[in-house]
Amino acid sequence: MKLTGIVLVFVLAAFLTGCAGMTATQQRMLSGGAIGTAAGLGTAAIVGAPLAVGAAAGAAAGVVGGYVVDEIER
């Protein structure tokens, strides 16, 4: 249990520092991709489609959506 907690702390620190030097465009695209992946995965689970296909389609749509939002914000 203790080892799992230590590993979790290091993984979380890696994710947080990995996003530190990103531009606003990159951050929006990454956020869109993450949200799209979750939405696509949930939709695929509900309709009975392959989960990988739903996650990939959602991620692609989310990245494009994040880019579009960034362009509108400029």
PDB file of N, CA and C in Angstrom:
ATOM      1  N   MET A   1       0.824  -1.196   0.000  1.00  0.00           N
ATOM      2  CA  MET A   1       0.000   0.000   0.000  1.00  0.00           C
ATOM      3  C   MET A   1       0.865   1.257   0.000  1.00  0.00           C
ATOM      4  N   LYS A   2       1.926   1.239   0.777  1.00  0.00           N
ATOM      5  CA  LYS A   2       2.797   2.403   0.868  1.00  0.00           C
ATOM      6  C   LYS A   2       3.498   2.656  -0.466  1.00  0.00           C
ATOM      7  N   LEU A   3       3.927   1.585  -1.135  1.00  0.00           N
ATOM      8  CA  LEU A   3       4.596   1.725  -2.427  1.00  0.00           C
ATOM      9  C   LEU A   3       3.645   2.294  -3.476  1.00  0.00           C
ATOM     10  N   THR A   4       2.396   1.871  -3.441  1.00  0.00           N
ATOM     11  CA  THR A   4       1.402   2.385  -4.381  1.00  0.00           C
ATOM     12  C   THR A   4       1.217   3.887  -4.201  1.00  0.00           C
ATOM     13  N   GLY A   5       1.174   4.341  -2.973  1.00  0.00           N
ATOM     14  CA  GLY A   5       1.035   5.769  -2.702  1.00  0.00           C
ATOM     15  C   GLY A   5       2.217   6.570  -3.207  1.00  0.00           C
ATOM     16  N   ILE A   6       3.412   6.040  -3.029  1.00  0.00           N
ATOM     17  CA  ILE A   6       4.619   6.730  -3.500  1.00  0.00           C
ATOM     18  C   ILE A   6       4.622   6.816  -5.023  1.00  0.00           C
ATOM     19  N   VAL A   7       4.275   5.718  -5.675  1.00  0.00           N
ATOM     20  CA  VAL A   7       4.223   5.705  -7.142  1.00  0.00           C
ATOM     21  C   VAL A   7       3.175   6.690  -7.639  1.00  0.00           C
ATOM     22  N   LEU A   8       2.027   6.731  -6.987  1.00  0.00           N
ATOM     23  CA  LEU A   8       0.965   7.655  -7.372  1.00  0.00           C
ATOM     24  C   LEU A   8       1.420   9.106  -7.257  1.00  0.00           C
ATOM     25  N   VAL A   9       2.142   9.434  -6.209  1.00  0.00           N
ATOM     26  CA  VAL A   9       2.656  10.798  -6.036  1.00  0.00           C
ATOM     27  C   VAL A   9       3.619  11.153  -7.164  1.00  0.00           C
ATOM     28  N   PHE A  10       4.510  10.238  -7.527  1.00  0.00           N
ATOM     29  CA  PHE A  10       5.457  10.514  -8.607  1.00  0.00           C
ATOM     30  C   PHE A  10       4.764  10.652  -9.957  1.00  0.00           C
ATOM     31  N   VAL A  11       3.771   9.831 -10.218  1.00  0.00           N
ATOM     32  CA  VAL A  11       3.032   9.925 -11.480  1.00  0.00           C
ATOM     33  C   VAL A  11       2.282  11.248 -11.550  1.00  0.00           C
ATOM     34  N   LEU A  12       1.644  11.638 -10.467  1.00  0.00           N
ATOM     35  CA  LEU A  12       0.926  12.908 -10.434  1.00  0.00           C
ATOM     36  C   LEU A  12       1.878  14.084 -10.628  1.00  0.00           C
ATOM     37  N   ALA A  13       3.029  14.039  -9.997  1.00  0.00           N
ATOM     38  CA  ALA A  13       4.025  15.104 -10.163  1.00  0.00           C
ATOM     39  C   ALA A  13       4.515  15.172 -11.601  1.00  0.00           C
ATOM     40  N   ALA A  14       4.691  14.034 -12.239  1.00  0.00           N
ATOM     41  CA  ALA A  14       5.134  14.017 -13.636  1.00  0.00           C
ATOM     42  C   ALA A  14       4.087  14.647 -14.542  1.00  0.00           C
ATOM     43  N   PHE A  15       2.816  14.359 -14.306  1.00  0.00           N
ATOM     44  CA  PHE A  15       1.760  14.952 -15.121  1.00  0.00           C
ATOM     45  C   PHE A  15       1.692  16.459 -14.924  1.00  0.00           C
ATOM     46  N   LEU A  16       1.807  16.906 -13.693  1.00  0.00           N
ATOM     47  CA  LEU A  16       1.698  18.337 -13.422  1.00  0.00           C
ATOM     48  C   LEU A  16       2.872  19.122 -13.995  1.00  0.00           C
ATOM     49  N   THR A  17       4.069  18.604 -13.880  1.00  0.00           N
ATOM     50  CA  THR A  17       5.222  19.326 -14.409  1.00  0.00           C
ATOM     51  C   THR A  17       5.323  19.185 -15.916  1.00  0.00           C
ATOM     52  N   GLY A  18       4.772  18.138 -16.465  1.00  0.00           N
ATOM     53  CA  GLY A  18       4.810  17.941 -17.913  1.00  0.00           C
ATOM     54  C   GLY A  18       3.966  18.961 -18.656  1.00  0.00           C
ATOM     55  N   CYS A  19       2.952  19.494 -18.018  1.00  0.00           N
ATOM     56  CA  CYS A  19       2.065  20.463 -18.650  1.00  0.00           C
ATOM     57  C   CYS A  19       2.474  21.904 -18.356  1.00  0.00           C
ATOM     58  N   ALA A  20       3.545  22.105 -17.616  1.00  0.00           N
ATOM     59  CA  ALA A  20       3.910  23.443 -17.154  1.00  0.00           C
ATOM     60  C   ALA A  20       4.352  24.363 -18.281  1.00  0.00           C
ATOM     61  N   GLY A  21       5.053  23.858 -19.271  1.00  0.00           N
ATOM     62  CA  GLY A  21       5.592  24.716 -20.310  1.00  0.00           C
ATOM     63  C   GLY A  21       4.758  24.766 -21.574  1.00  0.00           C
ATOM     64  N   MET A  22       3.493  24.413 -21.484  1.00  0.00           N
ATOM     65  CA  MET A  22       2.651  24.367 -22.674  1.00  0.00           C
ATOM     66  C   MET A  22       2.066  25.737 -22.978  1.00  0.00           C
ATOM     67  N   THR A  23       1.852  25.985 -24.259  1.00  0.00           N
ATOM     68  CA  THR A  23       1.183  27.220 -24.664  1.00  0.00           C
ATOM     69  C   THR A  23      -0.309  27.088 -24.392  1.00  0.00           C
ATOM     70  N   ALA A  24      -1.020  28.191 -24.507  1.00  0.00           N
ATOM     71  CA  ALA A  24      -2.471  28.166 -24.291  1.00  0.00           C
ATOM     72  C   ALA A  24      -3.153  27.265 -25.314  1.00  0.00           C
ATOM     73  N   THR A  25      -2.678  27.296 -26.550  1.00  0.00           N
ATOM     74  CA  THR A  25      -3.249  26.434 -27.592  1.00  0.00           C
ATOM     75  C   THR A  25      -3.061  24.970 -27.245  1.00  0.00           C
ATOM     76  N   GLN A  26      -1.865  24.607 -26.826  1.00  0.00           N
ATOM     77  CA  GLN A  26      -1.597  23.216 -26.470  1.00  0.00           C
ATOM     78  C   GLN A  26      -2.437  22.776 -25.280  1.00  0.00           C
ATOM     79  N   GLN A  27      -2.599  23.652 -24.305  1.00  0.00           N
ATOM     80  CA  GLN A  27      -3.404  23.311 -23.130  1.00  0.00           C
ATOM     81  C   GLN A  27      -4.865  23.104 -23.506  1.00  0.00           C
ATOM     82  N   ARG A  28      -5.392  23.964 -24.369  1.00  0.00           N
ATOM     83  CA  ARG A  28      -6.790  23.815 -24.783  1.00  0.00           C
ATOM     84  C   ARG A  28      -6.994  22.547 -25.601  1.00  0.00           C
ATOM     85  N   MET A  29      -6.038  22.249 -26.477  1.00  0.00           N
ATOM     86  CA  MET A  29      -6.156  21.039 -27.284  1.00  0.00           C
ATOM     87  C   MET A  29      -6.056  19.789 -26.411  1.00  0.00           C
ATOM     88  N   LEU A  30      -5.164  19.802 -25.433  1.00  0.00           N
ATOM     89  CA  LEU A  30      -5.027  18.659 -24.531  1.00  0.00           C
ATOM     90  C   LEU A  30      -6.281  18.484 -23.685  1.00  0.00           C
ATOM     91  N   SER A  31      -6.806  19.580 -23.172  1.00  0.00           N
ATOM     92  CA  SER A  31      -8.034  19.505 -22.379  1.00  0.00           C
ATOM     93  C   SER A  31      -9.194  19.005 -23.228  1.00  0.00           C
ATOM     94  N   GLY A  32      -9.303  19.520 -24.433  1.00  0.00           N
ATOM     95  CA  GLY A  32     -10.361  19.064 -25.335  1.00  0.00           C
ATOM     96  C   GLY A  32     -10.237  17.590 -25.651  1.00  0.00           C
ATOM     97  N   GLY A  33      -9.009  17.141 -25.870  1.00  0.00           N
ATOM     98  CA  GLY A  33      -8.785  15.724 -26.151  1.00  0.00           C
ATOM     99  C   GLY A  33      -9.162  14.838 -24.980  1.00  0.00           C
ATOM    100  N   ALA A  34      -8.825  15.271 -23.780  1.00  0.00           N
ATOM    101  CA  ALA A  34      -9.156  14.484 -22.586  1.00  0.00           C
ATOM    102  C   ALA A  34     -10.668  14.425 -22.365  1.00  0.00           C
ATOM    103  N   ILE A  35     -11.322  15.559 -22.508  1.00  0.00           N
ATOM    104  CA  ILE A  35     -12.775  15.594 -22.338  1.00  0.00           C
ATOM    105  C   ILE A  35     -13.452  14.788 -23.445  1.00  0.00           C
ATOM    106  N   GLY A  36     -12.962  14.928 -24.671  1.00  0.00           N
ATOM    107  CA  GLY A  36     -13.521  14.169 -25.787  1.00  0.00           C
ATOM    108  C   GLY A  36     -13.344  12.671 -25.622  1.00  0.00           C
ATOM    109  N   THR A  37     -12.190  12.265 -25.103  1.00  0.00           N
ATOM    110  CA  THR A  37     -11.954  10.840 -24.860  1.00  0.00           C
ATOM    111  C   THR A  37     -12.964  10.292 -23.865  1.00  0.00           C
ATOM    112  N   ALA A  38     -13.174  11.006 -22.786  1.00  0.00           N
ATOM    113  CA  ALA A  38     -14.135  10.558 -21.773  1.00  0.00           C
ATOM    114  C   ALA A  38     -15.550  10.513 -22.347  1.00  0.00           C
ATOM    115  N   ALA A  39     -15.920  11.528 -23.107  1.00  0.00           N
ATOM    116  CA  ALA A  39     -17.260  11.557 -23.694  1.00  0.00           C
ATOM    117  C   ALA A  39     -17.438  10.442 -24.720  1.00  0.00           C
ATOM    118  N   GLY A  40     -16.433  10.228 -25.558  1.00  0.00           N
ATOM    119  CA  GLY A  40     -16.510   9.164 -26.553  1.00  0.00           C
ATOM    120  C   GLY A  40     -16.563   7.788 -25.922  1.00  0.00           C
ATOM    121  N   LEU A  41     -15.801   7.601 -24.869  1.00  0.00           N
ATOM    122  CA  LEU A  41     -15.794   6.327 -24.154  1.00  0.00           C
ATOM    123  C   LEU A  41     -17.153   6.065 -23.513  1.00  0.00           C
ATOM    124  N   GLY A  42     -17.706   7.080 -22.896  1.00  0.00           N
ATOM    125  CA  GLY A  42     -19.027   6.929 -22.280  1.00  0.00           C
ATOM    126  C   GLY A  42     -20.114   6.654 -23.301  1.00  0.00           C
ATOM    127  N   THR A  43     -20.061   7.363 -24.415  1.00  0.00           N
ATOM    128  CA  THR A  43     -21.050   7.153 -25.470  1.00  0.00           C
ATOM    129  C   THR A  43     -20.942   5.751 -26.047  1.00  0.00           C
ATOM    130  N   ALA A  44     -19.719   5.302 -26.299  1.00  0.00           N
ATOM    131  CA  ALA A  44     -19.520   3.958 -26.844  1.00  0.00           C
ATOM    132  C   ALA A  44     -20.023   2.894 -25.878  1.00  0.00           C
ATOM    133  N   ALA A  45     -19.822   3.108 -24.600  1.00  0.00           N
ATOM    134  CA  ALA A  45     -20.296   2.140 -23.612  1.00  0.00           C
ATOM    135  C   ALA A  45     -21.816   2.082 -23.579  1.00  0.00           C
ATOM    136  N   ILE A  46     -22.449   3.228 -23.749  1.00  0.00           N
ATOM    137  CA  ILE A  46     -23.912   3.272 -23.702  1.00  0.00           C
ATOM    138  C   ILE A  46     -24.529   2.615 -24.934  1.00  0.00           C
ATOM    139  N   VAL A  47     -23.985   2.902 -26.121  1.00  0.00           N
ATOM    140  CA  VAL A  47     -24.585   2.381 -27.356  1.00  0.00           C
ATOM    141  C   VAL A  47     -24.065   1.006 -27.740  1.00  0.00           C
ATOM    142  N   GLY A  48     -23.063   0.504 -27.048  1.00  0.00           N
ATOM    143  CA  GLY A  48     -22.554  -0.833 -27.325  1.00  0.00           C
ATOM    144  C   GLY A  48     -21.522  -0.903 -28.431  1.00  0.00           C
ATOM    145  N   ALA A  49     -20.920   0.209 -28.764  1.00  0.00           N
ATOM    146  CA  ALA A  49     -19.871   0.239 -29.790  1.00  0.00           C
ATOM    147  C   ALA A  49     -18.536  -0.146 -29.149  1.00  0.00           C
ATOM    148  N   PRO A  50     -17.537  -0.482 -29.963  1.00  0.00           N
ATOM    149  CA  PRO A  50     -16.210  -0.768 -29.393  1.00  0.00           C
ATOM    150  C   PRO A  50     -15.673   0.444 -28.626  1.00  0.00           C
ATOM    151  N   LEU A  51     -15.181   0.213 -27.426  1.00  0.00           N
ATOM    152  CA  LEU A  51     -14.733   1.313 -26.571  1.00  0.00           C
ATOM    153  C   LEU A  51     -13.557   2.067 -27.165  1.00  0.00           C
ATOM    154  N   ALA A  52     -12.635   1.350 -27.812  1.00  0.00           N
ATOM    155  CA  ALA A  52     -11.464   2.011 -28.397  1.00  0.00           C
ATOM    156  C   ALA A  52     -11.873   2.961 -29.513  1.00  0.00           C
ATOM    157  N   VAL A  53     -12.860   2.571 -30.293  1.00  0.00           N
ATOM    158  CA  VAL A  53     -13.330   3.429 -31.384  1.00  0.00           C
ATOM    159  C   VAL A  53     -13.983   4.683 -30.814  1.00  0.00           C
ATOM    160  N   GLY A  54     -14.805   4.522 -29.796  1.00  0.00           N
ATOM    161  CA  GLY A  54     -15.445   5.676 -29.174  1.00  0.00           C
ATOM    162  C   GLY A  54     -14.440   6.624 -28.555  1.00  0.00           C
ATOM    163  N   ALA A  55     -13.437   6.064 -27.881  1.00  0.00           N
ATOM    164  CA  ALA A  55     -12.416   6.899 -27.250  1.00  0.00           C
ATOM    165  C   ALA A  55     -11.593   7.641 -28.296  1.00  0.00           C
ATOM    166  N   ALA A  56     -11.226   6.956 -29.375  1.00  0.00           N
ATOM    167  CA  ALA A  56     -10.423   7.597 -30.424  1.00  0.00           C
ATOM    168  C   ALA A  56     -11.210   8.688 -31.138  1.00  0.00           C
ATOM    169  N   ALA A  57     -12.463   8.407 -31.453  1.00  0.00           N
ATOM    170  CA  ALA A  57     -13.287   9.413 -32.128  1.00  0.00           C
ATOM    171  C   ALA A  57     -13.524  10.615 -31.220  1.00  0.00           C
ATOM    172  N   GLY A  58     -13.789  10.359 -29.957  1.00  0.00           N
ATOM    173  CA  GLY A  58     -13.993  11.453 -29.011  1.00  0.00           C
ATOM    174  C   GLY A  58     -12.744  12.289 -28.819  1.00  0.00           C
ATOM    175  N   ALA A  59     -11.592  11.629 -28.758  1.00  0.00           N
ATOM    176  CA  ALA A  59     -10.328  12.356 -28.603  1.00  0.00           C
ATOM    177  C   ALA A  59     -10.064  13.245 -29.805  1.00  0.00           C
ATOM    178  N   ALA A  60     -10.286  12.705 -30.998  1.00  0.00           N
ATOM    179  CA  ALA A  60     -10.059  13.498 -32.212  1.00  0.00           C
ATOM    180  C   ALA A  60     -10.986  14.708 -32.249  1.00  0.00           C
ATOM    181  N   ALA A  61     -12.251  14.486 -31.947  1.00  0.00           N
ATOM    182  CA  ALA A  61     -13.203  15.593 -31.936  1.00  0.00           C
ATOM    183  C   ALA A  61     -12.844  16.611 -30.856  1.00  0.00           C
ATOM    184  N   GLY A  62     -12.388  16.143 -29.718  1.00  0.00           N
ATOM    185  CA  GLY A  62     -12.015  17.044 -28.633  1.00  0.00           C
ATOM    186  C   GLY A  62     -10.808  17.898 -28.957  1.00  0.00           C
ATOM    187  N   VAL A  63      -9.813  17.311 -29.616  1.00  0.00           N
ATOM    188  CA  VAL A  63      -8.622  18.077 -30.004  1.00  0.00           C
ATOM    189  C   VAL A  63      -9.004  19.155 -31.010  1.00  0.00           C
ATOM    190  N   VAL A  64      -9.818  18.785 -31.988  1.00  0.00           N
ATOM    191  CA  VAL A  64     -10.266  19.775 -32.978  1.00  0.00           C
ATOM    192  C   VAL A  64     -11.089  20.859 -32.287  1.00  0.00           C
ATOM    193  N   GLY A  65     -11.960  20.457 -31.380  1.00  0.00           N
ATOM    194  CA  GLY A  65     -12.755  21.434 -30.642  1.00  0.00           C
ATOM    195  C   GLY A  65     -11.896  22.371 -29.811  1.00  0.00           C
ATOM    196  N   GLY A  66     -10.865  21.835 -29.175  1.00  0.00           N
ATOM    197  CA  GLY A  66      -9.951  22.672 -28.404  1.00  0.00           C
ATOM    198  C   GLY A  66      -9.222  23.679 -29.271  1.00  0.00           C
ATOM    199  N   TYR A  67      -8.843  23.252 -30.471  1.00  0.00           N
ATOM    200  CA  TYR A  67      -8.166  24.164 -31.397  1.00  0.00           C
ATOM    201  C   TYR A  67      -9.118  25.263 -31.865  1.00  0.00           C
ATOM    202  N   VAL A  68     -10.347  24.886 -32.170  1.00  0.00           N
ATOM    203  CA  VAL A  68     -11.334  25.868 -32.625  1.00  0.00           C
ATOM    204  C   VAL A  68     -11.613  26.885 -31.519  1.00  0.00           C
ATOM    205  N   VAL A  69     -11.764  26.419 -30.295  1.00  0.00           N
ATOM    206  CA  VAL A  69     -11.990  27.333 -29.173  1.00  0.00           C
ATOM    207  C   VAL A  69     -10.814  28.288 -29.027  1.00  0.00           C
ATOM    208  N   ASP A  70      -9.601  27.779 -29.183  1.00  0.00           N
ATOM    209  CA  ASP A  70      -8.423  28.636 -29.077  1.00  0.00           C
ATOM    210  C   ASP A  70      -8.414  29.696 -30.170  1.00  0.00           C
ATOM    211  N   GLU A  71      -8.788  29.316 -31.375  1.00  0.00           N
ATOM    212  CA  GLU A  71      -8.822  30.290 -32.475  1.00  0.00           C
ATOM    213  C   GLU A  71      -9.893  31.350 -32.239  1.00  0.00           C
ATOM    214  N   ILE A  72     -11.021  30.959 -31.678  1.00  0.00           N
ATOM    215  CA  ILE A  72     -12.089  31.916 -31.388  1.00  0.00           C
ATOM    216  C   ILE A  72     -11.659  32.881 -30.286  1.00  0.00           C
ATOM    217  N   GLU A  73     -10.929  32.377 -29.291  1.00  0.00           N
ATOM    218  CA  GLU A  73     -10.486  33.205 -28.169  1.00  0.00           C
ATOM    219  C   GLU A  73      -9.470  34.267 -28.583  1.00  0.00           C
ATOM    220  N   ARG A  74      -8.790  34.053 -29.678  1.00  0.00           N
ATOM    221  CA  ARG A  74      -7.766  35.022 -30.108  1.00  0.00           C
ATOM    222  C   ARG A  74      -8.378  36.259 -30.596  1.00  0.00           C
TER     223      ARG A  74
END
